[in-house]
Structures are given as structure tokens and as C-alpha cells.
């Protein structure tokens, strides 16, 4: 009887290990429109492990303000950031976005210098919806590519 329990436990552990291996490979096989929240900077709106579904958007249609759209953009160092657009401005026909994590005290860029704001060509997508906790299996595989 004890041998059956041991075999069942080993089988369960093997299945869990297989699921974790497959989950770690998925981000390299299935490209966005999904992103995983890897920090607490967007709490209470988004939490670590939430799966964000996002699609490209016309920069002119991205809303700003305290309840502005949440965008995914590439920082100057190449990391992906999921933050809210709190202001935007058009300079020489191109949009720039001032972003801030909901849980952060200050914006990501210099508010009085729009040249430091996120240029539209670094905006990858706008969040459509998020699924709580579903991204947890992918968290370790996306951490090297994301930042606060």
C-alpha cells in the first residue's frame, strides 16, 4: 500500500515539473499580446503574477490622466514596463507619454521635460484587460525582460 502512495507522489511531482518546464518555455514560443506583471509598482490595479492582455494602439487614442490607459513600453535599457499614462504631449507630430506606476510616488520621467517622456515608437501596446495570478507560472522567465 505504501509503495502505491510513493509512486503516486513521484508521478505528481513529475507532472508538476513538466508543467513548470513547459510554462518556462511558453514566453519564448508564444509572442505577446500577453505580458506578466513582475513588480508591485502598479498595485492595487495590477499585482505580481497578473497576466496582462494588450494590443497595439494608435498613440493619439491613448488616454492620459489619473485613470489613463495602462501601456507596455520599452525603457531605454530595453526592459518592458507596464505603467499608466498620466500625461501626453505631441511634439513635432510625434506623441510622448509621461508614465507612472499606480503604487509609485513619482512619475517615471521628468514631468517638466517632455523630451524625457516615452516616445510613441517605444510604446508596444495598450492594456485591454488583466487576468489575476494566471501569469505566475511565467514569472521567472519574464523577469530578465521586465522592470518596475
N, C-alpha and C. Protein backbone atom coordinates (compact mmCIF):
# COMPACT_ATOMS: atom_id res chain seq x y z
N UNK A 1 0.82 -1.18 0.00
CA UNK A 1 0.00 0.00 0.00
C UNK A 1 0.87 1.26 0.00
N UNK A 2 1.95 1.28 0.83
CA UNK A 2 2.84 2.43 0.91
C UNK A 2 3.54 2.69 -0.41
N UNK A 3 3.86 1.61 -1.15
CA UNK A 3 4.53 1.77 -2.44
C UNK A 3 3.66 2.49 -3.45
N UNK A 4 2.37 2.27 -3.40
CA UNK A 4 1.43 2.93 -4.31
C UNK A 4 1.41 4.44 -4.04
N UNK A 5 1.43 4.81 -2.76
CA UNK A 5 1.43 6.23 -2.39
C UNK A 5 2.71 6.91 -2.85
N UNK A 6 3.83 6.23 -2.70
CA UNK A 6 5.11 6.78 -3.14
C UNK A 6 5.11 6.98 -4.65
N UNK A 7 4.63 5.98 -5.39
CA UNK A 7 4.57 6.09 -6.85
C UNK A 7 3.64 7.22 -7.27
N UNK A 8 2.52 7.38 -6.59
CA UNK A 8 1.58 8.47 -6.90
C UNK A 8 2.23 9.83 -6.62
N UNK A 9 2.96 9.92 -5.53
CA UNK A 9 3.64 11.17 -5.19
C UNK A 9 4.71 11.51 -6.22
N UNK A 10 5.47 10.50 -6.64
CA UNK A 10 6.50 10.71 -7.66
C UNK A 10 5.86 11.13 -8.98
N UNK A 11 4.78 10.48 -9.35
CA UNK A 11 4.08 10.84 -10.59
C UNK A 11 3.57 12.27 -10.53
N UNK A 12 3.03 12.66 -9.39
CA UNK A 12 2.54 14.03 -9.22
C UNK A 12 3.68 15.03 -9.34
N UNK A 13 4.81 14.75 -8.71
CA UNK A 13 5.96 15.65 -8.80
C UNK A 13 6.48 15.75 -10.23
N UNK A 14 6.49 14.64 -10.95
CA UNK A 14 6.93 14.67 -12.35
C UNK A 14 6.00 15.53 -13.21
N UNK A 15 4.70 15.41 -12.98
CA UNK A 15 3.73 16.22 -13.73
C UNK A 15 3.94 17.70 -13.41
N UNK A 16 4.12 18.03 -12.14
CA UNK A 16 4.36 19.43 -11.76
C UNK A 16 5.64 19.95 -12.40
N UNK A 17 6.70 19.14 -12.38
CA UNK A 17 7.96 19.54 -13.01
C UNK A 17 7.78 19.77 -14.50
N UNK A 18 7.04 18.90 -15.16
CA UNK A 18 6.79 19.05 -16.59
C UNK A 18 6.01 20.33 -16.88
N UNK A 19 5.00 20.60 -16.09
CA UNK A 19 4.21 21.83 -16.26
C UNK A 19 5.09 23.06 -16.10
N UNK A 20 5.96 23.06 -15.10
CA UNK A 20 6.85 24.20 -14.88
C UNK A 20 7.84 24.38 -16.03
N UNK A 21 8.37 23.28 -16.56
CA UNK A 21 9.29 23.37 -17.70
C UNK A 21 8.57 23.94 -18.92
N UNK A 22 7.39 23.42 -19.21
CA UNK A 22 6.61 23.91 -20.36
C UNK A 22 6.26 25.38 -20.16
N UNK A 23 5.84 25.74 -18.95
CA UNK A 23 5.48 27.14 -18.66
C UNK A 23 6.66 28.07 -18.85
N UNK A 24 7.86 27.62 -18.52
CA UNK A 24 9.04 28.47 -18.69
C UNK A 24 9.41 28.64 -20.15
N UNK A 25 9.00 27.71 -21.01
CA UNK A 25 9.30 27.81 -22.44
C UNK A 25 8.27 28.61 -23.21
N UNK A 26 7.06 28.71 -22.70
CA UNK A 26 5.97 29.37 -23.42
C UNK A 26 6.30 30.80 -23.83
N UNK A 27 6.88 31.65 -22.96
CA UNK A 27 7.14 33.02 -23.37
C UNK A 27 8.02 33.15 -24.60
N UNK A 28 8.93 32.21 -24.81
CA UNK A 28 9.78 32.29 -25.99
C UNK A 28 9.11 31.73 -27.24
N UNK A 29 8.03 31.00 -27.06
CA UNK A 29 7.33 30.37 -28.19
C UNK A 29 6.09 31.17 -28.60
N UNK A 30 5.36 31.67 -27.63
CA UNK A 30 4.13 32.42 -27.92
C UNK A 30 4.40 33.90 -27.67
N UNK A 31 4.44 34.71 -28.72
CA UNK A 31 4.73 36.14 -28.55
C UNK A 31 3.56 36.88 -27.91
N UNK A 32 3.80 38.10 -27.45
CA UNK A 32 2.69 38.89 -26.92
C UNK A 32 1.58 38.96 -27.96
N UNK A 33 0.34 39.08 -27.54
CA UNK A 33 -0.18 40.22 -26.79
C UNK A 33 -0.31 40.02 -25.30
N UNK A 34 0.41 39.10 -24.68
CA UNK A 34 0.29 38.94 -23.24
C UNK A 34 1.61 39.31 -22.57
N UNK A 35 1.46 39.86 -21.38
CA UNK A 35 2.61 40.27 -20.58
C UNK A 35 2.33 39.87 -19.14
N UNK A 36 3.38 39.67 -18.36
CA UNK A 36 3.22 39.28 -16.96
C UNK A 36 3.71 40.41 -16.07
N UNK A 37 2.92 40.77 -15.08
CA UNK A 37 3.30 41.80 -14.12
C UNK A 37 4.36 41.21 -13.20
N UNK A 38 5.53 41.86 -13.15
CA UNK A 38 6.65 41.30 -12.39
C UNK A 38 7.04 42.13 -11.17
N UNK A 39 6.31 43.24 -10.92
CA UNK A 39 6.64 44.05 -9.74
C UNK A 39 5.35 44.59 -9.12
N UNK A 40 5.50 45.25 -7.99
CA UNK A 40 4.34 45.78 -7.27
C UNK A 40 4.04 47.23 -7.65
N UNK A 41 4.71 47.77 -8.66
CA UNK A 41 4.57 49.19 -8.98
C UNK A 41 3.18 49.60 -9.45
N UNK A 42 2.36 48.66 -9.89
CA UNK A 42 1.02 49.01 -10.37
C UNK A 42 -0.09 48.62 -9.38
N UNK A 43 0.28 48.20 -8.17
CA UNK A 43 -0.76 47.88 -7.18
C UNK A 43 -1.48 49.16 -6.78
N UNK A 44 -2.75 49.14 -6.50
CA UNK A 44 -3.63 47.99 -6.37
C UNK A 44 -4.31 47.56 -7.67
N UNK A 45 -3.99 48.23 -8.78
CA UNK A 45 -4.64 47.89 -10.05
C UNK A 45 -4.19 46.54 -10.58
N UNK A 46 -2.87 46.34 -10.61
CA UNK A 46 -2.28 45.08 -11.09
C UNK A 46 -1.35 44.54 -10.01
N UNK A 47 -1.28 43.23 -9.93
CA UNK A 47 -0.45 42.58 -8.91
C UNK A 47 0.56 41.65 -9.58
N UNK A 48 1.64 41.37 -8.85
CA UNK A 48 2.65 40.43 -9.34
C UNK A 48 1.96 39.13 -9.73
N UNK A 49 2.27 38.66 -10.94
CA UNK A 49 1.70 37.41 -11.43
C UNK A 49 0.44 37.58 -12.26
N UNK A 50 -0.09 38.80 -12.34
CA UNK A 50 -1.25 39.02 -13.21
C UNK A 50 -0.82 38.91 -14.67
N UNK A 51 -1.68 38.35 -15.48
CA UNK A 51 -1.42 38.24 -16.92
C UNK A 51 -2.16 39.37 -17.61
N UNK A 52 -1.43 40.24 -18.30
CA UNK A 52 -2.00 41.39 -18.98
C UNK A 52 -2.12 41.08 -20.46
N UNK A 53 -3.31 41.29 -20.99
CA UNK A 53 -3.54 41.15 -22.43
C UNK A 53 -3.55 42.57 -22.99
N UNK A 54 -2.71 42.80 -23.99
CA UNK A 54 -2.55 44.15 -24.54
C UNK A 54 -2.34 44.08 -26.04
N UNK A 55 -2.81 45.11 -26.72
CA UNK A 55 -2.70 45.18 -28.17
C UNK A 55 -2.18 46.55 -28.58
N UNK A 56 -1.53 46.63 -29.75
CA UNK A 56 -1.08 47.94 -30.24
C UNK A 56 -2.25 48.91 -30.33
N UNK A 57 -1.94 50.19 -30.11
CA UNK A 57 -2.97 51.23 -30.15
C UNK A 57 -2.43 52.44 -30.89
N UNK A 58 -3.33 53.18 -31.49
CA UNK A 58 -2.98 54.46 -32.10
C UNK A 58 -2.56 55.39 -30.97
N UNK A 59 -1.34 55.96 -31.02
CA UNK A 59 -0.89 56.83 -29.93
C UNK A 59 -1.86 57.98 -29.62
N UNK A 60 -2.51 58.51 -30.63
CA UNK A 60 -3.47 59.60 -30.40
C UNK A 60 -4.65 59.15 -29.57
N UNK A 61 -4.96 57.85 -29.59
CA UNK A 61 -6.11 57.32 -28.85
C UNK A 61 -5.79 56.90 -27.42
N UNK A 62 -4.53 56.96 -27.04
CA UNK A 62 -4.14 56.58 -25.67
C UNK A 62 -4.54 57.72 -24.73
N UNK A 63 -5.34 57.36 -23.72
CA UNK A 63 -5.86 58.36 -22.77
C UNK A 63 -4.88 58.59 -21.64
N UNK A 64 -4.80 59.85 -21.21
CA UNK A 64 -3.94 60.21 -20.10
C UNK A 64 -4.77 60.66 -18.90
N UNK A 65 -4.11 60.78 -17.75
CA UNK A 65 -4.78 61.25 -16.55
C UNK A 65 -4.70 60.23 -15.43
N UNK A 66 -5.34 60.55 -14.28
CA UNK A 66 -5.29 59.64 -13.13
C UNK A 66 -5.91 58.28 -13.42
N UNK A 67 -6.80 58.25 -14.40
CA UNK A 67 -7.41 56.98 -14.83
C UNK A 67 -7.07 56.71 -16.29
N UNK A 68 -5.88 57.17 -16.69
CA UNK A 68 -5.44 56.99 -18.07
C UNK A 68 -5.18 55.53 -18.40
N UNK A 69 -4.90 55.29 -19.67
CA UNK A 69 -4.63 53.93 -20.13
C UNK A 69 -3.33 53.40 -19.54
N UNK A 70 -3.27 52.09 -19.42
CA UNK A 70 -2.04 51.40 -19.00
C UNK A 70 -1.37 50.89 -20.26
N UNK A 71 -0.10 51.26 -20.42
CA UNK A 71 0.64 50.86 -21.62
C UNK A 71 1.82 49.97 -21.25
N UNK A 72 2.28 49.24 -22.25
CA UNK A 72 3.51 48.47 -22.11
C UNK A 72 4.51 49.16 -23.03
N UNK A 73 5.63 49.58 -22.46
CA UNK A 73 6.64 50.25 -23.28
C UNK A 73 8.02 49.71 -22.96
N UNK A 74 8.93 49.96 -23.89
CA UNK A 74 10.32 49.52 -23.73
C UNK A 74 11.12 50.70 -23.19
N UNK A 75 11.78 50.49 -22.06
CA UNK A 75 12.59 51.54 -21.46
C UNK A 75 13.88 51.72 -22.27
N UNK A 76 14.63 52.80 -22.03
CA UNK A 76 15.88 52.99 -22.77
C UNK A 76 16.86 51.82 -22.63
N UNK A 77 16.80 51.09 -21.51
CA UNK A 77 17.71 49.95 -21.34
C UNK A 77 17.14 48.65 -21.90
N UNK A 78 15.98 48.74 -22.59
CA UNK A 78 15.41 47.58 -23.26
C UNK A 78 14.42 46.77 -22.46
N UNK A 79 14.23 47.10 -21.19
CA UNK A 79 13.28 46.36 -20.35
C UNK A 79 11.85 46.80 -20.65
N UNK A 80 10.90 45.88 -20.41
CA UNK A 80 9.49 46.20 -20.60
C UNK A 80 8.90 46.74 -19.30
N UNK A 81 8.10 47.78 -19.42
CA UNK A 81 7.46 48.40 -18.26
C UNK A 81 5.96 48.49 -18.53
N UNK A 82 5.17 48.15 -17.52
CA UNK A 82 3.70 48.26 -17.59
C UNK A 82 3.30 49.35 -16.61
N UNK A 83 2.99 50.55 -17.12
CA UNK A 83 2.61 51.68 -16.27
C UNK A 83 1.49 52.49 -16.91
N UNK A 84 0.91 53.36 -16.10
CA UNK A 84 -0.22 54.20 -16.53
C UNK A 84 0.28 55.49 -17.19
N UNK A 85 -0.44 55.94 -18.21
CA UNK A 85 -0.15 57.22 -18.86
C UNK A 85 -0.85 58.31 -18.06
N UNK A 86 -0.06 59.22 -17.47
CA UNK A 86 -0.65 60.30 -16.68
C UNK A 86 -0.70 61.61 -17.44
N UNK A 87 0.09 61.71 -18.51
CA UNK A 87 0.05 62.90 -19.36
C UNK A 87 0.63 62.53 -20.72
N UNK A 88 0.31 63.32 -21.71
CA UNK A 88 0.89 63.11 -23.04
C UNK A 88 0.95 64.44 -23.76
N UNK A 89 1.87 64.52 -24.70
CA UNK A 89 2.04 65.74 -25.48
C UNK A 89 2.50 65.34 -26.88
N UNK A 90 2.12 66.16 -27.85
CA UNK A 90 2.57 65.91 -29.22
C UNK A 90 3.65 66.94 -29.55
N UNK A 91 4.82 66.45 -29.94
CA UNK A 91 5.94 67.31 -30.29
C UNK A 91 6.37 66.95 -31.70
N UNK A 92 6.35 67.93 -32.58
CA UNK A 92 6.76 67.74 -33.98
C UNK A 92 6.05 66.54 -34.60
N UNK A 93 4.77 66.41 -34.32
CA UNK A 93 3.97 65.35 -34.94
C UNK A 93 4.10 63.98 -34.31
N UNK A 94 4.85 63.87 -33.21
CA UNK A 94 5.05 62.58 -32.54
C UNK A 94 4.62 62.69 -31.08
N UNK A 95 3.93 61.66 -30.60
CA UNK A 95 3.44 61.67 -29.22
C UNK A 95 4.52 61.23 -28.25
N UNK A 96 4.48 61.83 -27.06
CA UNK A 96 5.33 61.43 -25.93
C UNK A 96 4.42 61.26 -24.72
N UNK A 97 4.76 60.26 -23.89
CA UNK A 97 3.90 59.89 -22.77
C UNK A 97 4.65 59.96 -21.45
N UNK A 98 4.03 60.60 -20.47
CA UNK A 98 4.53 60.62 -19.09
C UNK A 98 3.84 59.46 -18.37
N UNK A 99 4.62 58.56 -17.80
CA UNK A 99 4.05 57.36 -17.19
C UNK A 99 4.39 57.30 -15.70
N UNK A 100 3.58 56.50 -15.00
CA UNK A 100 3.77 56.35 -13.56
C UNK A 100 3.13 55.05 -13.11
N UNK A 101 3.80 54.34 -12.25
CA UNK A 101 3.19 53.18 -11.61
C UNK A 101 2.18 53.66 -10.58
N UNK A 102 1.03 53.03 -10.50
CA UNK A 102 0.00 53.45 -9.55
C UNK A 102 0.51 53.43 -8.10
N UNK A 103 1.46 52.57 -7.81
CA UNK A 103 1.99 52.42 -6.46
C UNK A 103 3.27 53.24 -6.24
N UNK A 104 3.68 54.00 -7.25
CA UNK A 104 4.90 54.80 -7.15
C UNK A 104 4.54 56.24 -6.79
N UNK A 105 5.37 56.91 -5.99
CA UNK A 105 5.05 58.29 -5.61
C UNK A 105 5.28 59.31 -6.72
N UNK A 106 6.16 59.00 -7.67
CA UNK A 106 6.52 59.97 -8.70
C UNK A 106 6.46 59.35 -10.09
N UNK A 107 6.30 60.19 -11.12
CA UNK A 107 6.32 59.67 -12.50
C UNK A 107 7.68 59.06 -12.84
N UNK A 108 7.68 58.27 -13.90
CA UNK A 108 8.92 57.61 -14.35
C UNK A 108 9.88 58.59 -15.01
N UNK A 109 9.33 59.62 -15.63
CA UNK A 109 10.14 60.59 -16.34
C UNK A 109 10.05 61.95 -15.64
N UNK A 110 10.82 62.91 -16.13
CA UNK A 110 10.81 64.26 -15.58
C UNK A 110 9.54 64.98 -16.06
N UNK A 111 8.59 65.28 -15.16
CA UNK A 111 7.31 65.86 -15.59
C UNK A 111 7.43 67.18 -16.35
N UNK A 112 8.43 68.00 -16.03
CA UNK A 112 8.56 69.30 -16.67
C UNK A 112 9.39 69.27 -17.95
N UNK A 113 9.87 68.10 -18.33
CA UNK A 113 10.70 67.97 -19.53
C UNK A 113 10.17 66.87 -20.45
N UNK A 114 9.21 67.21 -21.33
CA UNK A 114 8.61 66.19 -22.20
C UNK A 114 9.61 65.46 -23.10
N UNK A 115 10.81 66.02 -23.27
CA UNK A 115 11.80 65.29 -24.08
C UNK A 115 12.24 64.00 -23.38
N UNK A 116 12.00 63.89 -22.07
CA UNK A 116 12.36 62.67 -21.33
C UNK A 116 11.22 61.65 -21.33
N UNK A 117 10.05 62.05 -21.80
CA UNK A 117 8.88 61.17 -21.77
C UNK A 117 9.03 60.05 -22.80
N UNK A 118 8.20 59.03 -22.67
CA UNK A 118 8.27 57.86 -23.55
C UNK A 118 7.81 58.24 -24.96
N UNK A 119 8.69 58.10 -25.96
CA UNK A 119 8.26 58.40 -27.34
C UNK A 119 7.33 57.30 -27.86
N UNK A 120 6.44 57.67 -28.74
CA UNK A 120 5.44 56.72 -29.24
C UNK A 120 6.05 55.48 -29.86
N UNK A 121 7.26 55.57 -30.41
CA UNK A 121 7.85 54.39 -31.05
C UNK A 121 8.35 53.35 -30.04
N UNK A 122 8.37 53.69 -28.74
CA UNK A 122 8.73 52.71 -27.72
C UNK A 122 7.51 52.09 -27.05
N UNK A 123 6.32 52.57 -27.41
CA UNK A 123 5.09 52.00 -26.85
C UNK A 123 4.73 50.76 -27.65
N UNK A 124 4.66 49.62 -26.97
CA UNK A 124 4.37 48.36 -27.65
C UNK A 124 2.88 48.08 -27.71
N UNK A 125 2.16 48.41 -26.64
CA UNK A 125 0.74 48.03 -26.59
C UNK A 125 0.02 48.78 -25.47
N UNK A 126 -1.30 48.70 -25.54
CA UNK A 126 -2.17 49.26 -24.50
C UNK A 126 -2.94 48.10 -23.87
N UNK A 127 -3.00 48.09 -22.54
CA UNK A 127 -3.69 47.01 -21.84
C UNK A 127 -5.18 47.01 -22.18
N UNK A 128 -5.70 45.82 -22.46
CA UNK A 128 -7.13 45.65 -22.71
C UNK A 128 -7.79 45.08 -21.45
N UNK A 129 -7.17 44.06 -20.87
CA UNK A 129 -7.65 43.50 -19.60
C UNK A 129 -6.54 42.68 -18.96
N UNK A 130 -6.76 42.33 -17.70
CA UNK A 130 -5.79 41.52 -16.97
C UNK A 130 -6.50 40.35 -16.30
N UNK A 131 -5.79 39.24 -16.20
CA UNK A 131 -6.32 38.05 -15.53
C UNK A 131 -5.46 37.83 -14.29
N UNK A 132 -6.06 37.96 -13.09
CA UNK A 132 -5.28 37.83 -11.86
C UNK A 132 -4.58 36.48 -11.73
N UNK A 133 -3.31 36.54 -11.34
CA UNK A 133 -2.49 35.38 -10.94
C UNK A 133 -2.15 34.39 -12.05
N UNK A 134 -2.75 34.47 -13.20
CA UNK A 134 -2.54 33.47 -14.25
C UNK A 134 -1.10 33.50 -14.77
N UNK A 135 -0.42 34.63 -14.64
CA UNK A 135 0.95 34.73 -15.14
C UNK A 135 2.01 34.17 -14.22
N UNK A 136 1.64 33.75 -13.02
CA UNK A 136 2.65 33.26 -12.07
C UNK A 136 3.57 32.18 -12.63
N UNK A 137 3.07 31.19 -13.38
CA UNK A 137 4.00 30.17 -13.89
C UNK A 137 5.07 30.73 -14.83
N UNK A 138 4.82 31.92 -15.40
CA UNK A 138 5.75 32.51 -16.36
C UNK A 138 6.65 33.56 -15.72
N UNK A 139 6.43 33.85 -14.45
CA UNK A 139 7.10 34.97 -13.80
C UNK A 139 8.62 34.91 -13.88
N UNK A 140 9.21 33.80 -13.57
CA UNK A 140 10.67 33.70 -13.58
C UNK A 140 11.24 33.86 -14.98
N UNK A 141 10.50 33.42 -15.99
CA UNK A 141 11.04 33.51 -17.35
C UNK A 141 10.92 34.92 -17.92
N UNK A 142 10.05 35.78 -17.37
CA UNK A 142 9.93 37.14 -17.90
C UNK A 142 10.71 38.15 -17.09
N UNK A 143 11.13 37.82 -15.88
CA UNK A 143 11.83 38.79 -15.03
C UNK A 143 13.06 39.41 -15.69
N UNK A 144 13.85 38.66 -16.45
CA UNK A 144 15.01 39.31 -17.08
C UNK A 144 14.62 40.38 -18.10
N UNK A 145 13.38 40.38 -18.56
CA UNK A 145 12.96 41.29 -19.61
C UNK A 145 12.08 42.43 -19.10
N UNK A 146 11.78 42.45 -17.80
CA UNK A 146 10.88 43.46 -17.26
C UNK A 146 11.55 44.20 -16.11
N UNK A 147 11.01 45.35 -15.80
CA UNK A 147 11.47 46.09 -14.62
C UNK A 147 10.28 46.81 -14.02
N UNK A 148 10.51 47.35 -12.84
CA UNK A 148 9.46 48.05 -12.10
C UNK A 148 8.54 48.74 -13.03
